[in-house]
Structure formats: structure tokens, C-alpha cells
Amino acid sequence: MGILSTLINGNAYDFSSIKLTSTVPGAPPLLERFTALNYTHQMSVGELRGRGSKVLGTTRGEYSANADMTVYLTDWELLKIGLMSLSPAGGGGFMMARFMLNVAFAEIGELPIINTLRGCRVISVGKSFSRGNEPLMVNVGMHVMEILEGGVPAVIDGSGVLSL
């Protein structure tokens, strides 16, 4: 397989190419002060086997997705307050709120790519502070209901449309 294109007067994607936006009220619409972002989605399939050693087929499987990001302590506090306003009526807390993240990659000479993390919900918050001159960071783990890569879903099963 050959090279698809050669960059002329352009740059390959790097970390500075990422533009992260959220639907959390009160938080900056463009989240610029993050130092790491990871997201994964996968299908766990069951295998159909007969008397032989080969797989004869698979089940449809179950889709799952998760994400985590590392943000500055101050930005986490803004996100947390915004999540409280999204929390279901009657209680719940910031870990009960669902929100959406858009991850856009833009660079001169490259096609823009937008991945959407829908139905995000904070499931873990990790803080570990130590002496030194580095800014304080918070690791935020998230359950994600669906990841659209460039607007394309990994699975279409007719189970309904997710709004977040």
C-alpha cells in the first residue's frame, strides 16, 4: 500500500491540533487546559464453536466505550459545578450527569476530523499532588455511551437515538 498523500506546506496532526469542546454549562466551551485525553471503544463478542478447534461464528456482541482526561485543578472545579447543573432533578451529584465532548483535529494540509463522545458520565476522579513547581492536575475517568469517529458510529442496532 502506497502513501495516500504527501504534506506540502502543511503539518501532521499533533497534540496541539486537538480542539476539545463540551456541553457542560459554566465550563469554558473550548477546553484548552488539558494535558491528556484517551478514549476507547470496543465490541465484546461471543464465539460459536462446534466440535473442532475453529471458530464457526460470533454473536453480535456488546459495545462499550470509556474515556479519561487530565485537566488542571481549576478547570476541573468549573466542570464539576457545571455537571451539578446537569444532574437529574431530585439529586444525584456530578457523577450522575451526562454530557457530550467533541474532539476536533485540525491542521493545515490535513482534512479536519471530529470525533464525538456521546453520553459521557464521570465515573472516577483521581488526584495525586506532590511537592514541586508543576500545576495541579486531576484525572477524570468517564463512561461513554457512544463514540462517533468522524460522525460514523461503530455499531448501528436500532436501539434508539442518544441525544447526548
N, C-alpha and C. Protein backbone atom coordinates (compact mmCIF):
# COMPACT_ATOMS: atom_id res chain seq x y z
N MET A 1 0.85 -1.18 0.00
CA MET A 1 0.00 0.00 0.00
C MET A 1 0.89 1.23 0.00
N GLY A 2 0.61 2.18 -0.87
CA GLY A 2 1.43 3.38 -1.00
C GLY A 2 1.00 4.48 -0.05
N ILE A 3 1.74 5.54 -0.07
CA ILE A 3 1.43 6.72 0.74
C ILE A 3 0.21 7.40 0.14
N LEU A 4 -0.78 7.74 0.97
CA LEU A 4 -2.01 8.36 0.49
C LEU A 4 -1.79 9.79 0.04
N SER A 5 -1.00 10.54 0.75
CA SER A 5 -0.73 11.91 0.36
C SER A 5 0.58 12.37 0.99
N THR A 6 1.14 13.39 0.40
CA THR A 6 2.35 13.99 0.93
C THR A 6 1.99 15.38 1.43
N LEU A 7 2.44 15.74 2.61
CA LEU A 7 2.16 17.06 3.14
C LEU A 7 3.03 18.09 2.43
N ILE A 8 2.40 19.07 1.85
CA ILE A 8 3.11 20.19 1.24
C ILE A 8 2.58 21.45 1.92
N ASN A 9 3.47 22.21 2.53
CA ASN A 9 3.07 23.41 3.27
C ASN A 9 2.04 23.08 4.36
N GLY A 10 2.14 21.92 4.96
CA GLY A 10 1.20 21.52 5.99
C GLY A 10 1.89 20.80 7.12
N ASN A 11 1.13 20.44 8.12
CA ASN A 11 1.65 19.76 9.30
C ASN A 11 0.85 18.50 9.57
N ALA A 12 1.51 17.48 10.07
CA ALA A 12 0.82 16.30 10.54
C ALA A 12 0.15 16.63 11.87
N TYR A 13 -0.91 15.90 12.20
CA TYR A 13 -1.59 16.12 13.47
C TYR A 13 -0.63 15.91 14.63
N ASP A 14 -0.73 16.76 15.64
CA ASP A 14 -0.03 16.55 16.90
C ASP A 14 -0.97 17.00 18.02
N PHE A 15 -0.49 16.98 19.25
CA PHE A 15 -1.37 17.28 20.38
C PHE A 15 -1.98 18.68 20.28
N SER A 16 -1.24 19.63 19.72
CA SER A 16 -1.77 20.99 19.59
C SER A 16 -2.86 21.09 18.52
N SER A 17 -3.05 20.04 17.73
CA SER A 17 -4.11 20.02 16.70
C SER A 17 -5.49 19.76 17.31
N ILE A 18 -5.53 19.33 18.57
CA ILE A 18 -6.79 18.92 19.20
C ILE A 18 -7.53 20.13 19.74
N LYS A 19 -8.80 20.21 19.42
CA LYS A 19 -9.71 21.21 19.99
C LYS A 19 -10.82 20.42 20.69
N LEU A 20 -10.92 20.58 22.01
CA LEU A 20 -11.87 19.83 22.82
C LEU A 20 -12.97 20.76 23.30
N THR A 21 -14.22 20.44 22.97
CA THR A 21 -15.36 21.24 23.41
C THR A 21 -16.33 20.36 24.17
N SER A 22 -17.11 20.99 25.06
CA SER A 22 -18.06 20.23 25.88
C SER A 22 -19.41 20.92 25.90
N THR A 23 -20.42 20.19 26.36
CA THR A 23 -21.77 20.73 26.52
C THR A 23 -22.07 21.02 27.99
N VAL A 24 -21.04 21.13 28.82
CA VAL A 24 -21.24 21.37 30.25
C VAL A 24 -21.43 22.86 30.49
N PRO A 25 -22.60 23.27 31.05
CA PRO A 25 -22.83 24.69 31.33
C PRO A 25 -21.84 25.22 32.35
N GLY A 26 -21.39 26.45 32.14
CA GLY A 26 -20.48 27.08 33.08
C GLY A 26 -19.03 26.76 32.84
N ALA A 27 -18.76 25.68 32.12
CA ALA A 27 -17.38 25.34 31.77
C ALA A 27 -17.03 26.07 30.48
N PRO A 28 -15.77 26.37 30.27
CA PRO A 28 -15.40 27.01 29.00
C PRO A 28 -15.82 26.11 27.84
N PRO A 29 -16.47 26.67 26.79
CA PRO A 29 -16.89 25.81 25.68
C PRO A 29 -15.71 25.12 25.00
N LEU A 30 -14.57 25.80 24.93
CA LEU A 30 -13.36 25.20 24.41
C LEU A 30 -12.43 24.91 25.58
N LEU A 31 -12.20 23.63 25.83
CA LEU A 31 -11.34 23.23 26.94
C LEU A 31 -9.91 23.19 26.43
N GLU A 32 -9.13 24.18 26.82
CA GLU A 32 -7.77 24.28 26.32
C GLU A 32 -6.73 23.76 27.30
N ARG A 33 -7.07 23.75 28.58
CA ARG A 33 -6.05 23.40 29.58
C ARG A 33 -6.20 21.95 30.03
N PHE A 34 -6.00 21.05 29.07
CA PHE A 34 -5.93 19.63 29.38
C PHE A 34 -4.59 19.12 28.86
N THR A 35 -4.07 18.10 29.50
CA THR A 35 -2.75 17.60 29.10
C THR A 35 -2.79 16.18 28.57
N ALA A 36 -3.93 15.52 28.71
CA ALA A 36 -4.07 14.17 28.17
C ALA A 36 -5.54 13.88 27.91
N LEU A 37 -5.79 13.12 26.86
CA LEU A 37 -7.14 12.69 26.52
C LEU A 37 -7.02 11.31 25.89
N ASN A 38 -7.76 10.35 26.44
CA ASN A 38 -7.75 8.98 25.94
C ASN A 38 -9.19 8.51 25.81
N TYR A 39 -9.50 7.83 24.73
CA TYR A 39 -10.81 7.20 24.62
C TYR A 39 -10.71 5.93 23.79
N THR A 40 -11.56 4.97 24.17
CA THR A 40 -11.54 3.64 23.57
C THR A 40 -12.96 3.14 23.42
N HIS A 41 -13.23 2.46 22.32
CA HIS A 41 -14.48 1.72 22.22
C HIS A 41 -14.19 0.35 21.63
N GLN A 42 -15.02 -0.61 22.03
CA GLN A 42 -14.76 -1.99 21.63
C GLN A 42 -16.04 -2.80 21.59
N MET A 43 -15.96 -3.93 20.90
CA MET A 43 -17.04 -4.90 20.87
C MET A 43 -16.54 -6.16 21.56
N SER A 44 -17.32 -6.67 22.49
CA SER A 44 -17.02 -7.96 23.11
C SER A 44 -17.96 -8.98 22.50
N VAL A 45 -17.42 -9.91 21.75
CA VAL A 45 -18.26 -10.88 21.05
C VAL A 45 -18.11 -12.26 21.67
N GLY A 46 -19.19 -13.02 21.59
CA GLY A 46 -19.15 -14.42 21.99
C GLY A 46 -18.83 -15.26 20.77
N GLU A 47 -18.22 -16.38 20.98
CA GLU A 47 -17.82 -17.24 19.87
C GLU A 47 -18.71 -18.47 19.79
N LEU A 48 -19.08 -18.81 18.56
CA LEU A 48 -19.82 -20.04 18.29
C LEU A 48 -18.81 -21.08 17.86
N ARG A 49 -18.79 -22.19 18.57
CA ARG A 49 -17.83 -23.25 18.25
C ARG A 49 -18.56 -24.58 18.12
N GLY A 50 -18.02 -25.40 17.33
CA GLY A 50 -18.53 -26.76 17.19
C GLY A 50 -17.57 -27.72 17.86
N ARG A 51 -17.47 -28.91 17.33
CA ARG A 51 -16.59 -29.90 17.92
C ARG A 51 -15.12 -29.68 17.55
N GLY A 52 -14.86 -28.87 16.52
CA GLY A 52 -13.49 -28.60 16.10
C GLY A 52 -12.87 -27.43 16.85
N SER A 53 -11.66 -27.09 16.45
CA SER A 53 -10.93 -26.04 17.16
C SER A 53 -11.17 -24.65 16.57
N LYS A 54 -11.81 -24.56 15.41
CA LYS A 54 -12.02 -23.27 14.77
C LYS A 54 -13.31 -22.61 15.22
N VAL A 55 -13.30 -21.28 15.19
CA VAL A 55 -14.50 -20.50 15.48
C VAL A 55 -15.40 -20.58 14.25
N LEU A 56 -16.69 -20.89 14.46
CA LEU A 56 -17.64 -21.01 13.36
C LEU A 56 -18.42 -19.72 13.12
N GLY A 57 -18.46 -18.89 14.12
CA GLY A 57 -19.18 -17.62 14.01
C GLY A 57 -19.07 -16.86 15.31
N THR A 58 -19.67 -15.68 15.33
CA THR A 58 -19.67 -14.88 16.55
C THR A 58 -21.06 -14.33 16.79
N THR A 59 -21.31 -13.95 18.02
CA THR A 59 -22.55 -13.25 18.35
C THR A 59 -22.41 -11.80 17.91
N ARG A 60 -23.51 -11.08 17.93
CA ARG A 60 -23.48 -9.67 17.57
C ARG A 60 -22.52 -8.91 18.49
N GLY A 61 -22.50 -9.27 19.75
CA GLY A 61 -21.57 -8.65 20.68
C GLY A 61 -22.18 -7.52 21.47
N GLU A 62 -21.40 -7.02 22.40
CA GLU A 62 -21.81 -5.89 23.23
C GLU A 62 -20.77 -4.79 23.08
N TYR A 63 -21.28 -3.60 22.79
CA TYR A 63 -20.43 -2.43 22.58
C TYR A 63 -20.19 -1.74 23.91
N SER A 64 -18.98 -1.24 24.11
CA SER A 64 -18.69 -0.45 25.31
C SER A 64 -17.64 0.61 24.95
N ALA A 65 -17.67 1.71 25.69
CA ALA A 65 -16.73 2.80 25.45
C ALA A 65 -16.39 3.48 26.76
N ASN A 66 -15.19 4.01 26.83
CA ASN A 66 -14.78 4.78 28.00
C ASN A 66 -13.75 5.82 27.58
N ALA A 67 -13.50 6.74 28.47
CA ALA A 67 -12.55 7.82 28.20
C ALA A 67 -11.96 8.33 29.50
N ASP A 68 -10.86 9.03 29.40
CA ASP A 68 -10.34 9.76 30.55
C ASP A 68 -9.55 10.95 30.03
N MET A 69 -9.47 11.96 30.86
CA MET A 69 -8.70 13.14 30.50
C MET A 69 -8.04 13.70 31.76
N THR A 70 -6.96 14.41 31.54
CA THR A 70 -6.25 15.06 32.63
C THR A 70 -6.37 16.56 32.43
N VAL A 71 -6.93 17.24 33.43
CA VAL A 71 -7.17 18.69 33.33
C VAL A 71 -6.59 19.38 34.56
N TYR A 72 -6.37 20.69 34.42
CA TYR A 72 -5.91 21.48 35.55
C TYR A 72 -6.98 21.53 36.63
N LEU A 73 -6.57 21.60 37.86
CA LEU A 73 -7.46 21.59 39.02
C LEU A 73 -8.56 22.65 38.90
N THR A 74 -8.21 23.85 38.50
CA THR A 74 -9.21 24.93 38.38
C THR A 74 -10.26 24.59 37.34
N ASP A 75 -9.85 24.02 36.20
CA ASP A 75 -10.80 23.65 35.16
C ASP A 75 -11.71 22.52 35.62
N TRP A 76 -11.16 21.58 36.41
CA TRP A 76 -11.99 20.52 36.96
C TRP A 76 -13.08 21.11 37.86
N GLU A 77 -12.73 22.10 38.67
CA GLU A 77 -13.73 22.72 39.55
C GLU A 77 -14.85 23.35 38.73
N LEU A 78 -14.52 24.01 37.62
CA LEU A 78 -15.55 24.59 36.74
C LEU A 78 -16.42 23.51 36.11
N LEU A 79 -15.79 22.43 35.65
CA LEU A 79 -16.54 21.31 35.07
C LEU A 79 -17.49 20.69 36.09
N LYS A 80 -16.97 20.51 37.31
CA LYS A 80 -17.77 19.88 38.37
C LYS A 80 -19.01 20.71 38.69
N ILE A 81 -18.85 22.02 38.78
CA ILE A 81 -20.00 22.90 39.06
C ILE A 81 -21.01 22.82 37.91
N GLY A 82 -20.52 22.83 36.68
CA GLY A 82 -21.40 22.70 35.52
C GLY A 82 -22.13 21.37 35.50
N LEU A 83 -21.44 20.30 35.88
CA LEU A 83 -22.08 18.98 35.91
C LEU A 83 -23.19 18.92 36.95
N MET A 84 -23.01 19.65 38.05
CA MET A 84 -24.07 19.68 39.06
C MET A 84 -25.36 20.26 38.48
N SER A 85 -25.24 21.24 37.58
CA SER A 85 -26.44 21.83 36.98
C SER A 85 -27.10 20.87 35.99
N LEU A 86 -26.36 19.87 35.49
CA LEU A 86 -26.92 18.87 34.58
C LEU A 86 -27.44 17.64 35.33
N SER A 87 -27.14 17.56 36.61
CA SER A 87 -27.53 16.40 37.40
C SER A 87 -29.05 16.25 37.40
N PRO A 88 -29.55 15.01 37.37
CA PRO A 88 -31.01 14.80 37.34
C PRO A 88 -31.71 15.48 38.52
N ALA A 89 -32.93 15.96 38.25
CA ALA A 89 -33.73 16.58 39.31
C ALA A 89 -33.95 15.58 40.43
N GLY A 90 -33.94 16.05 41.64
CA GLY A 90 -34.15 15.17 42.78
C GLY A 90 -32.86 14.61 43.33
N GLY A 91 -31.74 15.10 42.86
CA GLY A 91 -30.47 14.67 43.44
C GLY A 91 -29.60 13.94 42.46
N GLY A 92 -28.53 13.44 42.95
CA GLY A 92 -27.65 12.68 42.10
C GLY A 92 -26.20 13.04 42.27
N GLY A 93 -25.86 14.30 42.07
CA GLY A 93 -24.47 14.74 42.16
C GLY A 93 -23.81 14.79 40.79
N PHE A 94 -22.58 15.28 40.76
CA PHE A 94 -21.91 15.50 39.47
C PHE A 94 -21.62 14.21 38.72
N MET A 95 -21.55 13.07 39.42
CA MET A 95 -21.29 11.81 38.73
C MET A 95 -22.54 11.20 38.10
N MET A 96 -23.68 11.85 38.24
CA MET A 96 -24.92 11.37 37.63
C MET A 96 -25.25 12.10 36.33
N ALA A 97 -24.55 13.18 36.04
CA ALA A 97 -24.85 14.00 34.86
C ALA A 97 -24.24 13.38 33.60
N ARG A 98 -24.95 13.51 32.50
CA ARG A 98 -24.45 13.08 31.19
C ARG A 98 -24.16 14.32 30.35
N PHE A 99 -23.11 14.25 29.55
CA PHE A 99 -22.73 15.37 28.70
C PHE A 99 -22.02 14.84 27.46
N MET A 100 -21.69 15.73 26.54
CA MET A 100 -21.05 15.36 25.29
C MET A 100 -19.72 16.09 25.15
N LEU A 101 -18.74 15.40 24.59
CA LEU A 101 -17.46 16.00 24.24
C LEU A 101 -17.24 15.86 22.74
N ASN A 102 -16.78 16.93 22.11
CA ASN A 102 -16.36 16.89 20.71
C ASN A 102 -14.85 17.04 20.68
N VAL A 103 -14.20 16.14 19.96
CA VAL A 103 -12.75 16.17 19.82
C VAL A 103 -12.46 16.44 18.35
N ALA A 104 -12.00 17.65 18.04
CA ALA A 104 -11.71 18.02 16.66
C ALA A 104 -10.21 18.07 16.44
N PHE A 105 -9.78 17.55 15.30
CA PHE A 105 -8.38 17.60 14.90
C PHE A 105 -8.32 18.47 13.65
N ALA A 106 -7.56 19.55 13.72
CA ALA A 106 -7.45 20.47 12.59
C ALA A 106 -6.01 20.88 12.40
N GLU A 107 -5.55 20.81 11.18
CA GLU A 107 -4.17 21.18 10.86
C GLU A 107 -4.11 21.57 9.39
N ILE A 108 -3.30 22.55 9.08
CA ILE A 108 -3.12 22.98 7.69
C ILE A 108 -2.60 21.80 6.87
N GLY A 109 -3.24 21.55 5.75
CA GLY A 109 -2.82 20.47 4.87
C GLY A 109 -3.46 19.13 5.19
N GLU A 110 -4.25 19.06 6.24
CA GLU A 110 -4.94 17.82 6.61
C GLU A 110 -6.45 18.06 6.63
N LEU A 111 -7.21 17.03 6.38
CA LEU A 111 -8.66 17.13 6.49
C LEU A 111 -9.03 17.21 7.96
N PRO A 112 -9.98 18.09 8.32
CA PRO A 112 -10.42 18.13 9.73
C PRO A 112 -11.19 16.85 10.08
N ILE A 113 -11.00 16.40 11.30
CA ILE A 113 -11.68 15.20 11.80
C ILE A 113 -12.37 15.60 13.09
N ILE A 114 -13.64 15.18 13.26
CA ILE A 114 -14.35 15.44 14.51
C ILE A 114 -14.87 14.12 15.05
N ASN A 115 -14.42 13.76 16.24
CA ASN A 115 -14.94 12.59 16.94
C ASN A 115 -15.84 13.09 18.07
N THR A 116 -16.95 12.43 18.26
CA THR A 116 -17.93 12.83 19.27
C THR A 116 -18.07 11.74 20.31
N LEU A 117 -17.92 12.12 21.57
CA LEU A 117 -18.14 11.21 22.68
C LEU A 117 -19.49 11.56 23.28
N ARG A 118 -20.48 10.69 23.05
CA ARG A 118 -21.85 10.98 23.45
C ARG A 118 -22.20 10.26 24.75
N GLY A 119 -22.99 10.93 25.56
CA GLY A 119 -23.44 10.32 26.81
C GLY A 119 -22.33 10.09 27.81
N CYS A 120 -21.39 11.02 27.92
CA CYS A 120 -20.29 10.90 28.88
C CYS A 120 -20.82 11.06 30.30
N ARG A 121 -20.25 10.29 31.19
CA ARG A 121 -20.61 10.37 32.62
C ARG A 121 -19.34 10.14 33.43
N VAL A 122 -19.03 11.04 34.33
CA VAL A 122 -17.84 10.90 35.17
C VAL A 122 -18.03 9.70 36.09
N ILE A 123 -17.03 8.80 36.07
CA ILE A 123 -17.11 7.62 36.94
C ILE A 123 -15.93 7.54 37.90
N SER A 124 -14.91 8.37 37.67
CA SER A 124 -13.80 8.39 38.63
C SER A 124 -13.09 9.74 38.55
N VAL A 125 -12.58 10.15 39.70
CA VAL A 125 -11.80 11.38 39.79
C VAL A 125 -10.55 11.04 40.59
N GLY A 126 -9.40 11.21 39.97
CA GLY A 126 -8.14 10.89 40.62
C GLY A 126 -7.30 12.13 40.85
N LYS A 127 -6.85 12.30 42.07
CA LYS A 127 -5.99 13.44 42.42
C LYS A 127 -4.78 12.91 43.15
N SER A 128 -3.62 13.34 42.72
CA SER A 128 -2.38 12.97 43.37
C SER A 128 -1.44 14.17 43.27
N PHE A 129 -1.22 14.83 44.37
CA PHE A 129 -0.43 16.05 44.38
C PHE A 129 0.88 15.82 45.10
N SER A 130 1.94 16.43 44.58
CA SER A 130 3.24 16.31 45.25
C SER A 130 3.97 17.65 45.15
N ARG A 131 4.96 17.77 45.97
CA ARG A 131 5.76 18.99 46.04
C ARG A 131 6.41 19.25 44.68
N GLY A 132 6.51 20.52 44.33
CA GLY A 132 7.17 20.89 43.07
C GLY A 132 6.53 22.12 42.46
N ASN A 133 6.99 22.48 41.29
CA ASN A 133 6.51 23.70 40.65
C ASN A 133 5.53 23.45 39.51
N GLU A 134 5.07 22.21 39.36
CA GLU A 134 4.12 21.89 38.30
C GLU A 134 2.69 22.21 38.73
N PRO A 135 1.81 22.59 37.79
CA PRO A 135 0.41 22.86 38.13
C PRO A 135 -0.29 21.58 38.62
N LEU A 136 -1.28 21.76 39.46
CA LEU A 136 -2.02 20.62 40.00
C LEU A 136 -3.00 20.11 38.95
N MET A 137 -3.02 18.79 38.76
CA MET A 137 -3.82 18.15 37.73
C MET A 137 -4.81 17.17 38.34
N VAL A 138 -5.89 16.91 37.61
CA VAL A 138 -6.91 15.96 38.03
C VAL A 138 -7.18 15.02 36.87
N ASN A 139 -7.22 13.71 37.15
CA ASN A 139 -7.56 12.73 36.13
C ASN A 139 -9.04 12.39 36.27
N VAL A 140 -9.78 12.55 35.18
CA VAL A 140 -11.23 12.34 35.18
C VAL A 140 -11.54 11.14 34.29
N GLY A 141 -12.06 10.07 34.88
CA GLY A 141 -12.47 8.88 34.13
C GLY A 141 -13.94 8.98 33.77
N MET A 142 -14.29 8.52 32.56
CA MET A 142 -15.67 8.65 32.09
C MET A 142 -16.17 7.37 31.44
N HIS A 143 -17.43 7.05 31.73
CA HIS A 143 -18.16 6.06 30.95
C HIS A 143 -18.71 6.81 29.75
N VAL A 144 -18.65 6.23 28.59
CA VAL A 144 -19.15 6.86 27.37
C VAL A 144 -20.17 5.93 26.74
N MET A 145 -21.33 6.47 26.35
CA MET A 145 -22.35 5.62 25.74
C MET A 145 -22.07 5.31 24.28
N GLU A 146 -21.45 6.25 23.57
CA GLU A 146 -21.15 6.00 22.15
C GLU A 146 -20.06 6.96 21.69
N ILE A 147 -19.18 6.45 20.84
CA ILE A 147 -18.17 7.29 20.20
C ILE A 147 -18.43 7.27 18.70
N LEU A 148 -18.57 8.46 18.13
CA LEU A 148 -18.70 8.60 16.68
C LEU A 148 -17.35 9.04 16.15
N GLU A 149 -16.76 8.27 15.27
CA GLU A 149 -15.47 8.64 14.68
C GLU A 149 -15.73 9.32 13.34
N GLY A 150 -15.50 10.62 13.30
CA GLY A 150 -15.77 11.38 12.09
C GLY A 150 -17.25 11.34 11.73
N GLY A 151 -18.11 11.25 12.75
CA GLY A 151 -19.55 11.19 12.54
C GLY A 151 -20.08 9.80 12.25
N VAL A 152 -19.21 8.81 12.20
CA VAL A 152 -19.61 7.44 11.85
C VAL A 152 -19.70 6.58 13.11
N PRO A 153 -20.85 5.96 13.37
CA PRO A 153 -20.98 5.09 14.54
C PRO A 153 -20.28 3.75 14.34
N ALA A 154 -19.80 3.16 15.41
CA ALA A 154 -19.18 1.84 15.35
C ALA A 154 -20.24 0.75 15.18
N VAL A 155 -21.43 0.98 15.74
CA VAL A 155 -22.50 0.00 15.73
C VAL A 155 -23.82 0.72 15.47
N ILE A 156 -24.64 0.16 14.61
CA ILE A 156 -25.99 0.65 14.41
C ILE A 156 -26.91 -0.51 14.70
N ASP A 157 -27.70 -0.41 15.76
CA ASP A 157 -28.53 -1.55 16.14
C ASP A 157 -30.00 -1.22 16.28
N GLY A 158 -30.41 0.01 16.01
CA GLY A 158 -31.83 0.34 16.07
C GLY A 158 -32.38 0.44 17.47
N SER A 159 -31.49 0.56 18.48
CA SER A 159 -31.96 0.59 19.86
C SER A 159 -32.39 1.99 20.30
N GLY A 160 -32.39 2.93 19.38
CA GLY A 160 -32.80 4.28 19.72
C GLY A 160 -31.70 5.27 19.47
N VAL A 161 -32.06 6.52 19.50
CA VAL A 161 -31.10 7.58 19.24
C VAL A 161 -30.74 8.23 20.56
N LEU A 162 -29.47 8.38 20.80
CA LEU A 162 -28.97 9.01 22.00
C LEU A 162 -28.79 10.49 21.74
N SER A 163 -29.35 11.34 22.58
CA SER A 163 -29.29 12.77 22.32
C SER A 163 -28.02 13.42 22.83
N LEU A 164 -27.33 12.81 23.77
CA LEU A 164 -26.10 13.43 24.31
C LEU A 164 -24.92 12.73 23.70
